[in-house]
Structures are given as C-alpha cells and as structure tokens.
Amino acid sequence: NLKEKIIPGTMVLEALEPFPGYHHDVPTKPIPGTIYFITTEFYTRENITRVSQDVFKIVNKPFNAATGDLSIYNDKFPSIRINELTSYDYIEELQRCFQDYGIKFRKAKKIRAKGISKIKKFFCVNEIEEGVYLDTENKEMGYFKAPYLNWKLFEKITYSIKNNWEKASFDAALGTFYRKSELQDVIRIYRDNINAEILLEIREKYLKEIKKY
C-alpha cells in the first residue's frame, strides 16, 4: 500500500516486483514503479483511454494508464494500472483528476501479498517473423505466438526453462492479442536489451517444452 501522496483513505498499491522472474539491473532511483489505483468497479479500456487523454492535458506530466484487475488470494480488485511516472509527488493530483471524471476509488484495505495482474491495453509491435513481435514502445518487451496454456502449466514450463538454461534471465507472462478478426495467444517476455535473436531462442525453448504436454 501507498500511504502518502495519495487521496487519504483510498486504496493505492505499488508492485514491488512487477517483473518477478527478472532480477537484473534493479532500479535504485526513488521513483514509482507500477502503481494500481483500486476502483469500486471495472472500467472499460475505452473509458480509461478517453479519461486519460483529458487528464494528461490537465496534469501535463508523464503517465500511462490501462484498465485491468488484480487477483490477490481469492479477491479480485478492479484497477487502473499506472506506470511511466517520474515522481510520487503528482499521484494524488492524478487521482483527483480521474475522480473529477467520475472514476470511483475503493476505500483503503491493507495489502502486502503476491498477486496476478491482468491488464487490457493497446500494443505497438514490429512483427520480426510470423507470430513473433518486438514492442516498439517498450524496448524490453517481446512476444511470440504460442498454444493456449493455463496458468499452472505455464508456470511449470517457465520454471523448467529457467532451471535448465544458462541464459534464462527474463520475466514471462501470458497474454492475448486481438488482431483484426483473430484472437492470438502469446507469451510476453521482459528482458533488458531484448532483440530478435534472444526472443527467437526463448520461443524455441518454450515450444519445445510445450510439446511435452
């Protein structure tokens, strides 16, 4: 929980490890990481995008907002994921602007636990090979098409790769792309200085493991 520089009494969470599978080059600067404004209800991607555009004109400071939810223990918390902040000092101002546009925040509840974040956002990608993409905005992100996996199997496969490969310094997550009329299951890879070569190598490891099941 963030307790300072927020609207008093509201629930704002900060992810201490937004990429828990990757432990290299941990930032030491005292700037916000991934922040979640916990809301009383789920807001659509369109709604948050429209509101964010207007809020940015008012605040005139960098931030990126996406709609989603957090699963912690057996609870689900609808949220607005905020990142790309340069300071904690304008978090309260951001909240109040969102509030002015009708966004309602949940009352504070103490949380310090592992959770799973599900985010809905737009992607700008470069397809380097069929079904393999590098993110053009987030240079640490890459994606590749993969068969649908449930969370438990995905976790098992990821652990297996990380325990049996000397280059396994990355964080992985499940995702889905909506491309035209196609729904495409993907695996997202986070790694500093990711490039086509390492992304293709990681994809090969995953596809080889997936064939075992």
Protein backbone atom coordinates (compact mmCIF):
# COMPACT_ATOMS: atom_id res chain seq x y z
CA ASN A 1 0.00 0.00 0.00
CA LEU A 2 1.00 3.57 -0.66
CA LYS A 3 0.04 5.66 2.36
CA GLU A 4 1.44 9.06 1.41
CA LYS A 5 0.95 11.39 -1.55
CA ILE A 6 -2.41 9.82 -2.39
CA ILE A 7 -6.01 10.78 -1.69
CA PRO A 8 -6.35 9.89 2.02
CA GLY A 9 -8.39 6.77 2.65
CA THR A 10 -8.14 5.40 -0.89
CA MET A 11 -6.54 2.12 -1.91
CA VAL A 12 -3.39 2.58 -3.99
CA LEU A 13 -0.95 -0.31 -4.43
CA GLU A 14 2.59 -0.39 -5.76
CA ALA A 15 4.06 -3.54 -7.28
CA LEU A 16 7.38 -4.18 -5.56
CA GLU A 17 8.31 -6.72 -8.24
CA PRO A 18 6.32 -6.06 -11.42
CA PHE A 19 8.64 -8.48 -13.29
CA PRO A 20 9.33 -11.13 -10.62
CA GLY A 21 11.16 -13.50 -12.95
CA TYR A 22 13.83 -10.94 -13.84
CA HIS A 23 16.26 -9.76 -11.18
CA HIS A 24 18.93 -7.92 -13.13
CA ASP A 25 19.58 -4.18 -13.14
CA VAL A 26 17.10 -3.40 -10.37
CA PRO A 27 16.47 0.38 -10.39
CA THR A 28 17.82 2.26 -7.40
CA LYS A 29 16.18 5.61 -8.12
CA PRO A 30 13.33 6.52 -5.73
CA ILE A 31 10.70 6.81 -8.46
CA PRO A 32 7.37 4.96 -8.68
CA GLY A 33 7.24 1.57 -10.27
CA THR A 34 3.93 0.07 -11.30
CA ILE A 35 1.04 1.70 -9.42
CA TYR A 36 -2.56 0.47 -9.16
CA PHE A 37 -5.49 2.74 -8.37
CA ILE A 38 -8.04 0.28 -6.95
CA THR A 39 -11.55 1.21 -8.10
CA THR A 40 -15.01 0.29 -6.91
CA GLU A 41 -15.95 -1.12 -10.32
CA PHE A 42 -14.37 -2.25 -13.57
CA TYR A 43 -13.95 0.46 -16.21
CA THR A 44 -13.62 -0.35 -19.89
CA ARG A 45 -10.47 0.26 -21.87
CA GLU A 46 -12.29 2.87 -23.95
CA ASN A 47 -13.47 4.68 -20.82
CA ILE A 48 -9.98 4.85 -19.25
CA THR A 49 -8.36 5.85 -22.55
CA ARG A 50 -10.76 8.76 -23.01
CA VAL A 51 -10.39 9.92 -19.42
CA SER A 52 -6.59 9.58 -19.54
CA GLN A 53 -6.37 11.80 -22.60
CA ASP A 54 -8.21 14.59 -20.79
CA VAL A 55 -6.32 14.07 -17.52
CA PHE A 56 -2.98 14.33 -19.31
CA LYS A 57 -3.93 17.77 -20.65
CA ILE A 58 -4.62 18.92 -17.07
CA VAL A 59 -1.68 17.32 -15.26
CA ASN A 60 0.80 17.69 -18.13
CA LYS A 61 3.15 15.14 -16.58
CA PRO A 62 4.04 11.69 -17.91
CA PHE A 63 1.92 8.66 -17.08
CA ASN A 64 0.43 5.68 -18.84
CA ALA A 65 -2.91 4.22 -17.75
CA ALA A 66 -4.51 0.87 -18.53
CA THR A 67 -7.56 -0.89 -17.19
CA GLY A 68 -7.40 -4.28 -15.54
CA ASP A 69 -7.75 -6.23 -12.33
CA LEU A 70 -5.60 -7.68 -9.59
CA SER A 71 -6.15 -11.17 -8.19
CA ILE A 72 -4.83 -11.43 -4.64
CA TYR A 73 -5.67 -14.56 -2.66
CA ASN A 74 -9.34 -15.15 -3.54
CA ASP A 75 -10.17 -11.49 -4.11
CA LYS A 76 -10.33 -9.58 -7.38
CA PHE A 77 -9.73 -5.86 -7.37
CA PRO A 78 -10.73 -3.79 -10.43
CA SER A 79 -7.97 -1.28 -11.03
CA ILE A 80 -6.29 1.31 -13.20
CA ARG A 81 -2.65 0.37 -13.80
CA ILE A 82 -0.42 3.47 -13.84
CA ASN A 83 3.22 3.48 -14.91
CA GLU A 84 5.84 5.76 -16.52
CA LEU A 85 5.53 8.18 -13.59
CA THR A 86 8.60 10.30 -12.85
CA SER A 87 7.67 11.16 -9.25
CA TYR A 88 5.35 10.18 -6.42
CA ASP A 89 4.52 13.85 -5.98
CA TYR A 90 1.71 14.02 -8.55
CA ILE A 91 -0.06 10.73 -7.79
CA GLU A 92 -2.71 12.47 -5.68
CA GLU A 93 -3.26 15.05 -8.42
CA LEU A 94 -3.75 12.21 -10.92
CA GLN A 95 -6.25 10.53 -8.63
CA ARG A 96 -8.25 13.71 -8.14
CA CYS A 97 -8.37 14.32 -11.89
CA PHE A 98 -9.62 10.78 -12.52
CA GLN A 99 -12.13 11.31 -9.72
CA ASP A 100 -13.38 14.51 -11.37
CA TYR A 101 -14.20 12.41 -14.46
CA GLY A 102 -16.34 10.01 -12.44
CA ILE A 103 -13.83 7.34 -11.50
CA LYS A 104 -14.59 6.00 -8.02
CA PHE A 105 -11.82 4.66 -5.81
CA ARG A 106 -12.10 1.88 -3.27
CA LYS A 107 -11.54 2.61 0.40
CA ALA A 108 -8.16 1.62 1.78
CA LYS A 109 -7.53 -2.01 2.65
CA LYS A 110 -4.17 -3.25 3.87
CA ILE A 111 -2.45 -5.49 1.29
CA ARG A 112 1.04 -6.93 1.13
CA ALA A 113 0.97 -10.17 -0.83
CA LYS A 114 1.72 -11.78 -4.15
CA GLY A 115 -0.88 -11.18 -6.84
CA ILE A 116 -1.61 -11.69 -10.52
CA SER A 117 -2.27 -8.64 -12.66
CA LYS A 118 -4.46 -8.76 -15.78
CA ILE A 119 -4.20 -5.67 -17.98
CA LYS A 120 -6.01 -4.58 -21.14
CA LYS A 121 -4.01 -2.20 -23.31
CA PHE A 122 -3.03 -1.33 -26.88
CA PHE A 123 0.25 -2.63 -28.32
CA CYS A 124 2.53 -1.20 -30.99
CA VAL A 125 4.67 -4.04 -32.28
CA ASN A 126 7.01 -4.96 -35.10
CA GLU A 127 6.48 -8.49 -36.45
CA ILE A 128 10.04 -9.75 -36.98
CA GLU A 129 8.89 -13.21 -38.02
CA GLU A 130 5.43 -14.74 -38.34
CA GLY A 131 3.93 -14.71 -34.85
CA VAL A 132 7.00 -13.09 -33.23
CA TYR A 133 6.92 -9.43 -32.18
CA LEU A 134 9.14 -6.79 -30.63
CA ASP A 135 7.40 -3.94 -28.83
CA THR A 136 8.19 -0.59 -30.46
CA GLU A 137 7.34 1.46 -27.36
CA ASN A 138 8.64 -0.75 -24.54
CA LYS A 139 12.08 -1.83 -25.68
CA GLU A 140 12.32 -4.52 -23.00
CA MET A 141 9.24 -6.38 -24.27
CA GLY A 142 8.89 -9.14 -26.84
CA TYR A 143 6.01 -11.51 -27.65
CA PHE A 144 5.54 -14.75 -29.54
CA LYS A 145 2.51 -16.79 -30.53
CA ALA A 146 2.05 -19.98 -28.51
CA PRO A 147 -0.68 -22.56 -27.84
CA TYR A 148 -3.14 -21.64 -25.09
CA LEU A 149 -1.77 -22.56 -21.65
CA ASN A 150 -3.42 -22.46 -18.26
CA TRP A 151 -1.52 -20.63 -15.55
CA LYS A 152 -0.29 -23.74 -13.69
CA LEU A 153 1.16 -25.37 -16.80
CA PHE A 154 2.71 -22.10 -17.95
CA GLU A 155 4.34 -21.65 -14.54
CA LYS A 156 5.67 -25.24 -14.60
CA ILE A 157 7.14 -24.83 -18.10
CA THR A 158 8.71 -21.48 -17.23
CA TYR A 159 10.39 -22.93 -14.12
CA SER A 160 11.71 -25.82 -16.16
CA ILE A 161 13.28 -23.49 -18.75
CA LYS A 162 14.79 -21.23 -16.10
CA ASN A 163 16.31 -24.16 -14.21
CA ASN A 164 17.88 -25.76 -17.29
CA TRP A 165 19.19 -22.85 -19.37
CA GLU A 166 22.15 -20.61 -18.63
CA LYS A 167 20.60 -17.61 -20.43
CA ALA A 168 17.31 -17.72 -18.51
CA SER A 169 17.35 -14.13 -17.25
CA PHE A 170 13.88 -12.89 -18.21
CA ASP A 171 10.34 -12.50 -16.92
CA ALA A 172 7.46 -14.18 -18.74
CA ALA A 173 3.70 -13.66 -18.73
CA LEU A 174 0.64 -14.95 -20.57
CA GLY A 175 -1.22 -12.68 -22.93
CA THR A 176 -3.74 -12.44 -25.75
CA PHE A 177 -3.64 -10.23 -28.84
CA TYR A 178 -6.78 -9.22 -30.71
CA ARG A 179 -5.61 -8.71 -34.31
CA LYS A 180 -8.33 -7.84 -36.81
CA SER A 181 -10.68 -10.84 -36.51
CA GLU A 182 -8.08 -13.12 -34.92
CA LEU A 183 -7.55 -13.90 -31.26
CA GLN A 184 -3.92 -14.88 -30.70
CA ASP A 185 -2.47 -16.39 -27.52
CA VAL A 186 1.02 -15.10 -26.82
CA ILE A 187 3.79 -15.27 -24.24
CA ARG A 188 5.25 -11.93 -23.20
CA ILE A 189 8.97 -11.75 -22.43
CA TYR A 190 10.59 -8.95 -20.44
CA ARG A 191 14.36 -8.55 -20.65
CA ASP A 192 16.72 -5.59 -20.88
CA ASN A 193 18.08 -5.09 -24.39
CA ILE A 194 15.91 -7.84 -25.82
CA ASN A 195 16.46 -8.45 -29.51
CA ALA A 196 15.22 -10.75 -32.24
CA GLU A 197 17.92 -13.36 -31.64
CA ILE A 198 17.28 -13.87 -27.93
CA LEU A 199 13.48 -13.70 -28.38
CA LEU A 200 13.57 -16.43 -31.03
CA GLU A 201 15.81 -18.51 -28.80
CA ILE A 202 13.39 -18.18 -25.87
CA ARG A 203 10.45 -19.06 -28.14
CA GLU A 204 12.25 -22.23 -29.26
CA LYS A 205 12.74 -23.26 -25.61
CA TYR A 206 9.04 -22.73 -24.81
CA LEU A 207 7.71 -24.52 -27.88
CA LYS A 208 9.99 -27.48 -27.18
CA GLU A 209 8.76 -27.70 -23.58
CA ILE A 210 5.10 -27.26 -24.56
CA LYS A 211 5.32 -30.28 -26.89
CA LYS A 212 5.95 -32.47 -23.84
CA TYR A 213 2.41 -31.87 -22.56
